């Protein structure tokens, strides 16, 4: 049974699909929010040493009083504002104290009160407008900076584990039920993060929260793509990414309004609990039901869709979904399942033979090594820019929201450039755009806040477009027999690379421009290497390793291969894989 033909009868994207598509997009917003909440819950607020000779800890203390540069070492930024060191203060001048008769409390804190030698402090004054786990568990100073970055690393480790499990369980038990379970698990573990009693428990719940979060977007993507017709699939995948970007931006807005890490966790994790109602409102994927030979259940959904879309179903179509129907669809499904069972061993052997052929080919090993590097750089820069946005001048909440929202034009640019300029130039061009703007943001515009933020946003737009393009590009360079596994390996490798992203902003403590220069240099090298790859736009998808090696070559080795297919056929095959370009999370 060709379900695309069924969709032609009930409507490719009618009212029924639009309603359910909107429903599955809403949890994606909260999945995006949960995936980046640690930027603020484990963020570092502004703080300085407490100076008991000049202030009382019980009072409402000013973070940066006028006398602070007399009492603590520090630096003047490019705008002339003094920033004290967070964990060091000047020693008290005992000679000056002894000369005071009687001893008094120095509220004005004159410079004579202190010697110009530094000492560590163990009490701090924090920004009263922000409360994170730094205050909660005393994670101050450089020796604890790695603990805050490690929260992000644990998050990406959870994504690696969760993505594989959710995909397997969804294929076995159904899209809808696993989708709902992932949402509930994400919500419960997110609430548990707010209830964490120490740093270690927070880490555990952050890992588990990522396991749940990792399944929400991919399953929403699959459900959305499987419920619409062929001409609407690219639209459905791109729009889903728009919701993801809005969800990321909501983290900045919520943190701006709440100023407390526990309240932020609750605000992002409690609402998804209501999505349990999707068990009764969101239908199972009809494609999955047909593949499992559950024709009656599939028929009920199709009849409901036709009713809502105000379409008339043909009798021939309705007969396909009767439980006792002896028609071809049942035979096809049964034969397909039997075939899969009987050929499992052969398919496995074919996969491993293809993998061995790939490793014997210097051409393919070189190409896939370049792709692995590009995937890793994309992940590090993409997530690194999001995390580093809070270190920009100006309002860090607004900067973070803008850096997330700029992904929307980034996805749109990828969608346009893939069809206009092909895969290779779209990928390298996006990386070059990111490289130039990151380097410029680090050097050219020092002292101009709006220009730095603008260049930073353009850099994020470029890397977002690159990340979207690389999915389609990778799929089109892989032979059919290992295409799914090959893209999976690349994606997993990228997530391992993303584990390094939370540590990159720490380099800014040594040299302010270093994170942006690192992002720019890495993007430049990835863009240059991308130019060495073959173009795959409007080319036949390679079915064998031999055909994959022929990509980019003017003449195939065998005259009887399938590379002479008409452009329309090649284009159709290519567009099928473009849906993967949006699965970046």
Protein backbone atom coordinates (compact mmCIF):
# COMPACT_ATOMS: atom_id res chain seq x y z
CA UNK A 1 0.00 0.00 0.00
CA UNK A 2 1.35 3.43 -0.98
CA UNK A 3 0.33 5.72 1.85
CA UNK A 4 1.18 8.77 -0.26
CA UNK A 5 -1.76 7.81 -2.49
CA UNK A 6 -3.97 7.62 0.62
CA UNK A 7 -2.86 11.15 1.51
CA UNK A 8 -3.94 12.33 -1.93
CA UNK A 9 -7.49 11.24 -1.09
CA UNK A 10 -7.66 12.63 2.44
CA UNK A 11 -5.55 15.73 1.71
CA UNK A 12 -1.78 16.18 1.99
CA UNK A 13 -2.01 18.85 4.68
CA UNK A 14 -5.65 19.38 5.54
CA UNK A 15 -7.24 20.67 8.71
CA UNK A 16 -6.73 17.34 10.49
CA UNK A 17 -2.98 17.30 9.81
CA UNK A 18 -2.58 21.00 10.61
CA UNK A 19 -4.20 20.55 14.02
CA UNK A 20 -2.09 17.55 14.95
CA UNK A 21 1.05 19.13 13.54
CA UNK A 22 0.56 22.15 15.80
CA UNK A 23 0.03 19.83 18.78
CA UNK A 24 3.32 17.98 18.22
CA UNK A 25 5.19 21.28 17.74
CA UNK A 26 4.29 22.55 21.23
CA UNK A 27 6.31 19.92 23.18
CA UNK A 28 9.26 20.68 20.89
CA UNK A 29 9.36 24.20 22.31
CA UNK A 30 9.72 22.84 25.85
CA UNK A 31 12.28 20.26 24.72
CA UNK A 32 14.38 23.08 23.28
CA UNK A 33 13.96 25.06 26.51
CA UNK A 34 15.02 22.11 28.68
CA UNK A 35 18.02 21.43 26.45
CA UNK A 36 19.50 24.89 27.18
CA UNK A 37 18.15 25.71 30.65
CA UNK A 38 21.55 24.86 32.19
CA UNK A 39 22.97 28.00 30.54
CA UNK A 40 21.21 29.98 33.27
CA UNK A 41 20.67 27.45 36.08
CA UNK A 42 24.41 26.69 36.06
CA UNK A 43 25.41 30.18 34.97
CA UNK A 44 27.86 32.34 36.87
CA UNK A 45 26.32 35.49 38.39
CA UNK A 46 28.38 38.61 39.04
CA UNK A 47 30.06 38.48 42.45
CA UNK A 48 33.00 39.83 44.45
CA UNK A 49 34.70 39.34 47.80
CA UNK A 50 32.95 40.48 50.94
CA UNK A 51 35.03 43.20 52.71
CA UNK A 52 34.02 42.97 56.40
CA UNK A 53 36.15 46.00 57.29
CA UNK A 54 33.88 48.16 55.13
CA UNK A 55 30.46 46.43 55.10
CA UNK A 56 28.20 44.13 57.10
CA UNK A 57 27.12 40.84 55.59
CA UNK A 58 23.65 41.26 57.11
CA UNK A 59 23.00 44.51 55.22
CA UNK A 60 21.66 44.88 51.71
CA UNK A 61 25.01 45.29 49.98
CA UNK A 62 25.84 47.04 46.76
CA UNK A 63 27.64 44.80 44.29
CA UNK A 64 30.09 47.39 42.96
CA UNK A 65 30.36 50.35 45.39
CA UNK A 66 32.60 53.32 44.58
CA UNK A 67 35.33 52.20 46.96
CA UNK A 68 35.64 48.64 45.64
CA UNK A 69 38.83 49.31 43.66
CA UNK A 70 40.54 50.37 46.89
CA UNK A 71 39.79 46.97 48.48
CA UNK A 72 40.15 44.48 45.65
CA UNK A 73 42.40 43.99 42.62
CA UNK A 74 40.75 44.05 39.21
CA UNK A 75 40.75 45.37 35.67
CA UNK A 76 39.13 48.20 33.74
CA UNK A 77 37.16 47.00 30.72
CA UNK A 78 37.16 48.72 27.33
CA UNK A 79 34.40 51.04 28.53
CA UNK A 80 36.41 52.16 31.57
CA UNK A 81 34.34 50.23 34.11
CA UNK A 82 36.26 48.58 36.95
CA UNK A 83 35.65 44.84 37.36
CA UNK A 84 37.07 43.34 40.58
CA UNK A 85 38.60 39.89 40.78
CA UNK A 86 36.01 37.46 42.05
CA UNK A 87 38.09 35.62 44.64
CA UNK A 88 40.86 37.98 45.71
CA UNK A 89 41.03 41.09 47.88
CA UNK A 90 43.80 43.32 49.28
CA UNK A 91 45.25 42.62 52.71
CA UNK A 92 44.38 44.99 55.53
CA UNK A 93 47.03 47.57 56.42
CA UNK A 94 47.55 46.75 60.11
CA UNK A 95 49.66 49.84 60.61
CA UNK A 96 46.80 52.09 59.47
CA UNK A 97 44.30 50.16 61.65
CA UNK A 98 46.55 50.54 64.71
CA UNK A 99 46.83 54.27 64.21
CA UNK A 100 43.08 54.74 64.54
CA UNK A 101 42.04 55.67 68.08
CA UNK A 102 39.56 54.25 68.79
CA UNK A 103 39.31 51.56 66.04
CA UNK A 104 36.39 52.32 63.74
CA UNK A 105 34.40 50.81 60.90
CA UNK A 106 35.49 52.39 57.61
CA UNK A 107 32.38 52.71 55.49
CA UNK A 108 34.22 54.85 52.93
CA UNK A 109 37.05 52.29 52.66
CA UNK A 110 39.99 54.60 51.93
CA UNK A 111 42.95 53.25 49.97
CA UNK A 112 45.18 53.61 53.05
CA UNK A 113 43.19 50.84 54.74
CA UNK A 114 44.71 48.20 52.45
CA UNK A 115 48.09 47.00 51.34
CA UNK A 116 48.65 46.21 47.66
CA UNK A 117 49.19 42.50 48.31
CA UNK A 118 46.46 40.00 47.45
CA UNK A 119 44.83 37.27 49.51
CA UNK A 120 42.01 34.78 48.91
CA UNK A 121 38.60 35.46 50.36
CA UNK A 122 35.97 32.97 51.51
CA UNK A 123 32.86 35.15 51.65
CA UNK A 124 31.20 36.81 48.69
CA UNK A 125 28.65 39.41 47.68
CA UNK A 126 26.47 38.20 44.78
CA UNK A 127 24.29 39.99 42.28
CA UNK A 128 20.90 40.08 43.99
CA UNK A 129 19.13 39.89 40.60
CA UNK A 130 20.32 36.36 39.82
CA UNK A 131 20.35 33.14 41.83
CA UNK A 132 22.01 30.02 40.36
CA UNK A 133 23.60 26.83 41.66
CA UNK A 134 26.79 28.87 42.17
CA UNK A 135 25.30 30.48 45.30
CA UNK A 136 23.39 27.33 46.20
CA UNK A 137 26.44 25.09 46.57
CA UNK A 138 29.36 27.55 46.68
CA UNK A 139 30.71 26.83 43.20
CA UNK A 140 32.84 29.96 43.09
CA UNK A 141 36.30 30.79 41.70
CA UNK A 142 38.29 29.21 38.89
CA UNK A 143 38.73 25.86 40.61
CA UNK A 144 34.96 25.28 40.33
CA UNK A 145 34.49 26.65 36.81
CA UNK A 146 34.90 23.18 35.31
CA UNK A 147 31.99 21.90 37.42
CA UNK A 148 29.65 24.43 35.85
CA UNK A 149 30.86 23.56 32.34
CA UNK A 150 30.57 19.84 33.13
CA UNK A 151 26.80 20.25 33.55
CA UNK A 152 26.64 20.93 29.82
CA UNK A 153 28.87 17.95 29.09
CA UNK A 154 26.56 15.67 31.07
CA UNK A 155 23.63 17.07 29.09
CA UNK A 156 25.23 16.11 25.77
CA UNK A 157 26.15 12.67 27.15
CA UNK A 158 22.45 12.19 27.96
CA UNK A 159 21.55 13.18 24.41
CA UNK A 160 23.88 10.52 22.99
CA UNK A 161 22.29 7.79 25.12
CA UNK A 162 18.71 8.95 24.75
CA UNK A 163 18.67 9.40 20.99
CA UNK A 164 19.57 5.78 20.30
CA UNK A 165 17.08 4.39 22.83
CA UNK A 166 14.11 6.53 21.80
CA UNK A 167 14.57 5.64 18.13
CA UNK A 168 14.67 1.91 18.86
CA UNK A 169 11.66 1.93 21.17
CA UNK A 170 9.64 4.11 18.77
CA UNK A 171 10.15 1.60 15.95
CA UNK A 172 9.13 -1.25 18.22
CA UNK A 173 6.28 0.14 20.34
CA UNK A 174 4.98 3.05 18.28
CA UNK A 175 5.76 6.71 17.72
CA UNK A 176 3.03 8.21 19.88
CA UNK A 177 3.52 6.28 23.11
CA UNK A 178 7.30 6.77 23.16
CA UNK A 179 6.84 10.43 22.23
CA UNK A 180 4.57 10.92 25.26
CA UNK A 181 6.86 8.91 27.57
CA UNK A 182 9.84 11.06 26.53
CA UNK A 183 7.87 14.23 27.27
CA UNK A 184 6.80 12.96 30.70
CA UNK A 185 10.32 11.78 31.54
CA UNK A 186 11.70 15.15 30.48
CA UNK A 187 9.18 16.96 32.68
CA UNK A 188 9.72 14.81 35.78
CA UNK A 189 13.51 14.92 35.62
CA UNK A 190 13.41 18.66 34.93
CA UNK A 191 11.39 19.18 38.11
CA UNK A 192 13.84 16.88 39.92
CA UNK A 193 16.67 19.20 38.85
CA UNK A 194 14.94 22.01 40.70
CA UNK A 195 14.64 19.77 43.78
CA UNK A 196 18.29 18.60 43.65
CA UNK A 197 19.94 18.62 47.09
CA UNK A 198 23.57 18.92 45.97
CA UNK A 199 25.77 19.28 42.89
CA UNK A 200 26.07 15.54 42.23
CA UNK A 201 22.31 14.95 42.31
CA UNK A 202 21.85 17.93 39.98
CA UNK A 203 24.30 16.31 37.54
CA UNK A 204 22.41 13.01 37.60
CA UNK A 205 19.07 14.68 36.94
CA UNK A 206 20.62 16.84 34.20
CA UNK A 207 21.81 13.66 32.46
CA UNK A 208 18.40 11.97 32.81
CA UNK A 209 16.61 15.10 31.65
CA UNK A 210 18.70 15.07 28.47
CA UNK A 211 17.81 11.40 27.92
CA UNK A 212 14.13 12.34 27.90
CA UNK A 213 14.63 15.55 25.94
CA UNK A 214 16.60 13.78 23.22
CA UNK A 215 13.55 11.80 22.08
CA UNK A 216 11.04 14.63 21.85
CA UNK A 217 12.33 16.48 18.79
CA UNK A 218 13.26 13.44 16.62
CA UNK A 219 9.93 11.72 17.27
CA UNK A 220 7.98 14.92 16.62
CA UNK A 221 9.96 15.23 13.38
CA UNK A 222 9.09 11.66 12.37
CA UNK A 223 5.40 11.97 13.30
CA UNK A 224 5.14 15.29 11.48
CA UNK A 225 6.83 14.06 8.30
CA UNK A 226 4.83 10.81 8.24
CA UNK A 227 1.44 12.53 8.49
CA UNK A 228 1.81 14.89 5.50
CA UNK A 229 2.11 14.41 1.76
CA UNK A 230 5.39 14.47 -0.22
CA UNK A 231 5.02 18.10 -1.31
CA UNK A 232 4.63 19.28 2.30
CA UNK A 233 7.40 17.30 4.02
CA UNK A 234 10.17 19.85 3.64
CA UNK A 235 7.83 22.56 4.94
CA UNK A 236 6.91 20.45 7.96
CA UNK A 237 10.55 19.79 8.86
CA UNK A 238 11.59 23.44 8.53
CA UNK A 239 8.62 24.79 10.52
CA UNK A 240 9.37 22.32 13.33
CA UNK A 241 12.82 23.89 13.60
CA UNK A 242 11.20 27.31 13.88
CA UNK A 243 9.35 26.12 16.97
CA UNK A 244 12.60 24.72 18.36
CA UNK A 245 14.32 28.10 17.95
CA UNK A 246 11.42 29.89 19.68
CA UNK A 247 11.63 27.40 22.55
CA UNK A 248 15.33 28.13 22.99
CA UNK A 249 14.64 31.87 23.08
CA UNK A 250 11.97 31.33 25.75
CA UNK A 251 14.73 30.19 28.13
CA UNK A 252 16.28 33.65 28.00
CA UNK A 253 12.91 35.33 28.52
CA UNK A 254 11.99 33.07 31.47
CA UNK A 255 15.41 33.55 33.11
CA UNK A 256 15.08 37.31 32.66
CA UNK A 257 11.69 37.34 34.42
CA UNK A 258 12.33 34.80 37.20
CA UNK A 259 16.00 35.35 38.23
CA UNK A 260 16.04 32.08 40.20
CA UNK A 261 17.33 28.74 38.95
CA UNK A 262 14.72 26.64 40.74
CA UNK A 263 11.79 28.74 39.53
CA UNK A 264 13.23 28.56 36.02
CA UNK A 265 13.40 24.76 36.15
CA UNK A 266 9.81 24.52 37.35
CA UNK A 267 8.55 26.99 34.73
CA UNK A 268 10.11 24.93 31.92
CA UNK A 269 9.29 21.47 33.29
CA UNK A 270 5.82 21.63 34.89
CA UNK A 271 3.80 22.65 31.77
CA UNK A 272 4.93 19.59 29.72
CA UNK A 273 3.14 17.37 32.26
CA UNK A 274 -0.15 18.44 30.65
CA UNK A 275 0.93 16.86 27.37
CA UNK A 276 -0.07 13.50 28.82
CA UNK A 277 -3.46 14.37 27.32
CA UNK A 278 -1.90 13.68 23.91
CA UNK A 279 -2.56 10.01 24.56
CA UNK A 280 -6.21 10.75 23.74
CA UNK A 281 -5.78 13.55 21.18
CA UNK A 282 -2.73 12.83 19.00
CA UNK A 283 -3.05 9.84 16.63
CA UNK A 284 -0.44 7.16 16.08
CA UNK A 285 1.55 7.30 12.87
CA UNK A 286 -0.56 5.59 10.19
CA UNK A 287 2.59 4.54 8.36
CA UNK A 288 3.82 2.72 11.46
CA UNK A 289 0.41 1.04 11.93
CA UNK A 290 0.38 -0.15 8.32
CA UNK A 291 3.94 -1.46 8.64
CA UNK A 292 2.80 -3.39 11.74
CA UNK A 293 -0.28 -4.68 9.85
CA UNK A 294 -2.67 -2.93 12.25
CA UNK A 295 -5.10 -2.05 9.50
CA UNK A 296 -8.19 -1.46 11.60
CA UNK A 297 -6.45 1.13 13.77
CA UNK A 298 -5.01 2.80 10.69
CA UNK A 299 -8.44 2.82 9.05
CA UNK A 300 -10.06 4.61 12.00
CA UNK A 301 -7.47 7.39 11.83
CA UNK A 302 -7.82 7.75 8.06
CA UNK A 303 -11.62 7.93 8.27
CA UNK A 304 -11.35 10.55 11.02
CA UNK A 305 -8.89 12.57 8.93
CA UNK A 306 -11.15 12.42 5.88
CA UNK A 307 -14.12 13.55 7.97
CA UNK A 308 -12.25 16.54 9.43
CA UNK A 309 -10.75 17.43 6.04
CA UNK A 310 -14.20 17.04 4.42
CA UNK A 311 -13.01 14.47 1.90
CA UNK A 312 -14.80 11.45 0.45
CA UNK A 313 -12.93 8.15 0.59
CA UNK A 314 -13.26 5.61 -2.21
CA UNK A 315 -14.64 2.15 -1.45
CA UNK A 316 -11.44 0.57 -2.73
CA UNK A 317 -9.46 2.52 -0.14
CA UNK A 318 -11.84 1.64 2.69
CA UNK A 319 -11.69 -2.07 1.79
CA UNK A 320 -7.94 -2.02 2.41
CA UNK A 321 -8.52 -1.35 6.12
CA UNK A 322 -10.99 -4.14 6.91
CA UNK A 323 -9.65 -6.70 9.35
CA UNK A 324 -10.74 -9.67 7.23
CA UNK A 325 -9.75 -8.17 3.91
CA UNK A 326 -7.86 -10.66 1.74
CA UNK A 327 -6.59 -7.87 -0.47
CA UNK A 328 -3.05 -7.26 -1.55
CA UNK A 329 -2.05 -4.75 1.18
CA UNK A 330 -2.16 -7.49 3.83
CA UNK A 331 -0.20 -9.84 1.62
CA UNK A 332 2.30 -7.12 0.89
CA UNK A 333 2.77 -6.31 4.54
CA UNK A 334 3.03 -9.99 5.51
CA UNK A 335 5.43 -10.71 2.69
CA UNK A 336 7.51 -7.70 3.61
CA UNK A 337 7.73 -8.78 7.24
CA UNK A 338 8.59 -12.35 6.24
CA UNK A 339 11.16 -11.04 3.81
CA UNK A 340 12.73 -8.86 6.48
CA UNK A 341 12.97 -11.80 8.85
CA UNK A 342 14.42 -14.17 6.27
CA UNK A 343 16.92 -11.69 4.90
CA UNK A 344 18.16 -10.20 8.17
CA UNK A 345 21.35 -12.19 8.01
CA UNK A 346 21.92 -11.32 4.35
CA UNK A 347 21.30 -7.62 4.99
CA UNK A 348 23.74 -7.62 7.90
CA UNK A 349 26.37 -9.29 5.74
CA UNK A 350 25.76 -6.78 2.96
CA UNK A 351 26.18 -3.88 5.38
CA UNK A 352 29.48 -5.18 6.70
CA UNK A 353 30.74 -5.90 3.19
CA UNK A 354 29.93 -2.32 2.22
CA UNK A 355 31.70 -0.98 5.31
CA UNK A 356 34.79 -3.00 4.40
CA UNK A 357 34.66 -1.63 0.84
CA UNK A 358 34.48 1.91 2.20
CA UNK A 359 37.59 1.41 4.32
CA UNK A 360 39.43 -0.03 1.29
CA UNK A 361 38.71 3.13 -0.70
CA UNK A 362 41.09 6.03 -0.02
CA UNK A 363 38.62 8.35 -1.77
CA UNK A 364 35.70 7.51 0.52
CA UNK A 365 37.81 7.35 3.70
CA UNK A 366 39.11 10.83 2.87
CA UNK A 367 35.63 12.21 2.19
CA UNK A 368 34.04 10.73 5.30
CA UNK A 369 36.96 11.86 7.47
CA UNK A 370 36.37 15.40 6.22
CA UNK A 371 32.66 15.05 6.96
CA UNK A 372 33.36 13.82 10.50
CA UNK A 373 35.53 16.88 11.10
CA UNK A 374 32.87 19.21 9.67
CA UNK A 375 30.17 17.60 11.82
CA UNK A 376 32.28 18.00 14.97
CA UNK A 377 33.12 21.64 14.19
CA UNK A 378 29.47 22.39 13.46
CA UNK A 379 28.44 21.01 16.84
CA UNK A 380 31.17 22.76 18.83
CA UNK A 381 30.59 26.14 17.17
CA UNK A 382 26.78 25.90 17.12
CA UNK A 383 26.45 25.13 20.82
CA UNK A 384 29.51 27.17 21.77
CA UNK A 385 28.02 30.34 20.29
CA UNK A 386 24.77 29.76 22.17
CA UNK A 387 26.63 29.34 25.46
CA UNK A 388 29.04 32.21 24.81
CA UNK A 389 26.18 34.63 24.06
CA UNK A 390 25.74 35.31 27.78
CA UNK A 391 29.30 36.70 27.91
CA UNK A 392 28.60 39.42 25.33
CA UNK A 393 28.30 43.06 26.34
CA UNK A 394 24.80 44.29 27.10
CA UNK A 395 21.79 42.38 28.42
CA UNK A 396 22.77 38.71 28.46
CA UNK A 397 19.15 37.51 28.46
CA UNK A 398 18.32 39.53 25.37
CA UNK A 399 21.55 38.47 23.66
CA UNK A 400 20.77 34.82 24.32
CA UNK A 401 17.22 35.13 22.95
CA UNK A 402 18.44 36.88 19.80
CA UNK A 403 21.13 34.26 19.20
CA UNK A 404 18.43 31.58 19.37
CA UNK A 405 15.88 33.40 17.21
CA UNK A 406 18.45 34.05 14.47
CA UNK A 407 18.29 30.30 13.80
CA UNK A 408 14.95 30.89 12.04
CA UNK A 409 16.51 32.86 9.15
CA UNK A 410 19.43 30.41 9.32
CA UNK A 411 17.18 27.46 8.52
CA UNK A 412 15.44 29.51 5.83
CA UNK A 413 18.81 30.40 4.27
CA UNK A 414 19.77 26.72 4.18
CA UNK A 415 16.45 25.83 2.55
CA UNK A 416 17.01 28.45 -0.16
CA UNK A 417 20.73 27.88 -0.75
CA UNK A 418 20.37 24.09 -1.06
CA UNK A 419 18.25 24.60 -4.16
CA UNK A 420 20.03 27.64 -5.53
CA UNK A 421 23.74 26.92 -5.03
CA UNK A 422 23.97 23.18 -4.43
CA UNK A 423 25.35 21.32 -1.43
CA UNK A 424 29.08 22.03 -1.49
CA UNK A 425 28.93 25.82 -1.86
CA UNK A 426 26.02 26.04 0.59
CA UNK A 427 28.03 24.20 3.22
CA UNK A 428 31.35 25.99 2.70
CA UNK A 429 29.70 29.37 2.20
CA UNK A 430 27.80 29.05 5.49
CA UNK A 431 31.01 28.09 7.32
CA UNK A 432 32.94 30.99 5.75
CA UNK A 433 30.21 33.40 6.81
CA UNK A 434 30.49 32.12 10.38
CA UNK A 435 34.30 32.30 10.30
CA UNK A 436 34.51 35.90 9.04
CA UNK A 437 31.92 37.26 11.47
CA UNK A 438 33.35 35.45 14.49
CA UNK A 439 36.87 36.75 13.85
CA UNK A 440 35.54 40.24 13.18
CA UNK A 441 33.48 40.11 16.35
CA UNK A 442 36.61 39.31 18.32
CA UNK A 443 38.83 42.04 16.89
CA UNK A 444 37.39 44.67 14.58
CA UNK A 445 34.56 46.06 16.69
CA UNK A 446 35.98 46.32 20.19
CA UNK A 447 34.11 49.08 22.02
CA UNK A 448 30.95 48.85 19.88
CA UNK A 449 28.41 46.63 21.62
CA UNK A 450 25.75 46.67 18.92
CA UNK A 451 28.28 45.79 16.20
CA UNK A 452 29.72 42.89 18.23
CA UNK A 453 26.26 41.47 18.88
CA UNK A 454 25.29 41.90 15.21
CA UNK A 455 28.36 40.03 13.99
CA UNK A 456 27.80 37.35 16.62
CA UNK A 457 24.23 36.87 15.36
CA UNK A 458 25.38 36.59 11.75
CA UNK A 459 27.93 33.98 12.84
CA UNK A 460 25.18 31.95 14.54
CA UNK A 461 23.04 32.28 11.40
CA UNK A 462 25.90 30.89 9.31
CA UNK A 463 26.60 27.89 11.53
CA UNK A 464 22.87 27.11 11.79
CA UNK A 465 22.63 27.04 8.01
CA UNK A 466 25.74 24.85 7.82
CA UNK A 467 24.36 22.40 10.35
CA UNK A 468 21.13 22.11 8.37
CA UNK A 469 22.95 21.58 5.06
CA UNK A 470 25.36 18.95 6.39
CA UNK A 471 22.54 16.47 7.13
CA UNK A 472 21.32 16.43 3.52
CA UNK A 473 24.86 16.50 2.12
CA UNK A 474 26.00 13.53 4.21
CA UNK A 475 22.97 11.43 3.28
CA UNK A 476 23.56 12.06 -0.41
CA UNK A 477 27.20 10.93 -0.26
CA UNK A 478 26.46 7.64 1.51
CA UNK A 479 25.60 4.40 -0.33
CA UNK A 480 22.01 3.28 0.29
CA UNK A 481 22.92 0.17 2.25
CA UNK A 482 24.78 2.18 4.94
CA UNK A 483 23.11 5.59 4.53
CA UNK A 484 21.04 5.54 7.72
CA UNK A 485 23.87 4.13 9.80
CA UNK A 486 26.39 6.50 8.26
CA UNK A 487 24.37 9.60 9.07
CA UNK A 488 23.83 8.19 12.57
CA UNK A 489 27.57 7.75 13.09
CA UNK A 490 28.23 11.32 11.94
CA UNK A 491 25.51 12.70 14.20
CA UNK A 492 26.77 10.75 17.20
CA UNK A 493 30.33 11.91 16.56
CA UNK A 494 29.03 15.49 16.48
CA UNK A 495 27.38 15.04 19.87
CA UNK A 496 30.67 13.85 21.32
CA UNK A 497 32.25 16.98 19.88
CA UNK A 498 29.50 19.08 21.44
CA UNK A 499 30.59 17.86 24.88
CA UNK A 500 33.58 20.20 24.52
CA UNK A 501 31.41 23.24 23.75
CA UNK A 502 30.61 24.16 27.40
CA UNK A 503 34.34 24.53 28.14
CA UNK A 504 35.14 26.90 25.25
CA UNK A 505 33.70 30.05 26.92
CA UNK A 506 36.14 29.47 29.82
CA UNK A 507 38.96 30.44 27.45
CA UNK A 508 37.65 33.99 27.59
CA UNK A 509 39.05 34.30 31.12
CA UNK A 510 42.55 34.13 29.64
CA UNK A 511 41.93 36.25 26.55
CA UNK A 512 38.56 37.85 25.87
CA UNK A 513 38.50 37.29 22.10
CA UNK A 514 39.85 33.72 22.23
CA UNK A 515 36.48 31.84 22.08
CA UNK A 516 35.32 33.78 19.00
CA UNK A 517 38.73 33.42 17.34
CA UNK A 518 38.64 29.68 17.99
CA UNK A 519 35.13 29.41 16.52
CA UNK A 520 36.19 31.46 13.50
CA UNK A 521 39.37 29.50 12.86
CA UNK A 522 37.62 26.14 13.20
CA UNK A 523 34.81 27.21 10.85
CA UNK A 524 37.34 28.45 8.29
CA UNK A 525 39.23 25.14 8.20
CA UNK A 526 35.97 23.19 7.95
CA UNK A 527 34.79 25.42 5.09
CA UNK A 528 38.04 24.96 3.16
CA UNK A 529 37.90 21.19 3.58
CA UNK A 530 34.29 21.23 2.44
CA UNK A 531 35.40 22.52 -0.96
CA UNK A 532 37.24 19.21 -1.49
CA UNK A 533 33.97 17.26 -1.38
CA UNK A 534 31.98 16.30 -4.50
CA UNK A 535 28.75 18.07 -5.45
CA UNK A 536 25.64 15.88 -5.01
CA UNK A 537 22.88 18.29 -6.04
CA UNK A 538 20.55 16.73 -8.65
CA UNK A 539 22.73 13.62 -8.77
CA UNK A 540 21.39 10.11 -8.40
CA UNK A 541 21.62 8.85 -4.84
CA UNK A 542 24.41 6.21 -4.77
CA UNK A 543 23.08 2.73 -4.09
CA UNK A 544 26.46 1.01 -3.93
CA UNK A 545 29.94 1.85 -2.70
CA UNK A 546 31.12 1.95 -6.32
CA UNK A 547 28.52 4.57 -7.18
CA UNK A 548 29.48 6.59 -4.10
CA UNK A 549 33.10 6.67 -5.31
CA UNK A 550 31.94 7.99 -8.70
CA UNK A 551 30.37 11.11 -7.19
CA UNK A 552 32.15 14.19 -8.48
CA UNK A 553 33.80 12.33 -11.37
CA UNK A 554 32.95 13.25 -14.94
CA UNK A 555 32.67 9.71 -16.25
CA UNK A 556 31.52 6.57 -14.42
CA UNK A 557 33.66 3.49 -14.64
CA UNK A 558 30.73 1.35 -15.84
CA UNK A 559 28.63 2.37 -18.79
CA UNK A 560 25.65 0.33 -17.59
CA UNK A 561 25.21 2.04 -14.22
CA UNK A 562 22.20 4.10 -13.24
CA UNK A 563 23.90 7.49 -13.32
CA UNK A 564 22.10 8.31 -16.57
CA UNK A 565 18.73 8.62 -14.88
CA UNK A 566 16.84 11.75 -15.93
CA UNK A 567 17.26 14.83 -13.73
CA UNK A 568 13.71 14.56 -12.43
CA UNK A 569 14.34 11.14 -10.97
CA UNK A 570 17.58 12.26 -9.40
CA UNK A 571 15.91 15.31 -7.96
CA UNK A 572 13.11 13.28 -6.44
CA UNK A 573 15.59 10.98 -4.77
CA UNK A 574 17.53 13.92 -3.44
CA UNK A 575 14.49 15.71 -2.05
CA UNK A 576 13.51 12.66 -0.07
CA UNK A 577 16.65 13.04 1.99
CA UNK A 578 16.36 16.79 2.41
CA UNK A 579 13.99 16.13 5.28
CA UNK A 580 16.97 15.08 7.35
CA UNK A 581 18.57 18.49 7.01
CA UNK A 582 16.56 19.84 9.94
CA UNK A 583 17.29 17.17 12.53
CA UNK A 584 20.11 19.02 14.25
CA UNK A 585 19.21 18.62 17.79
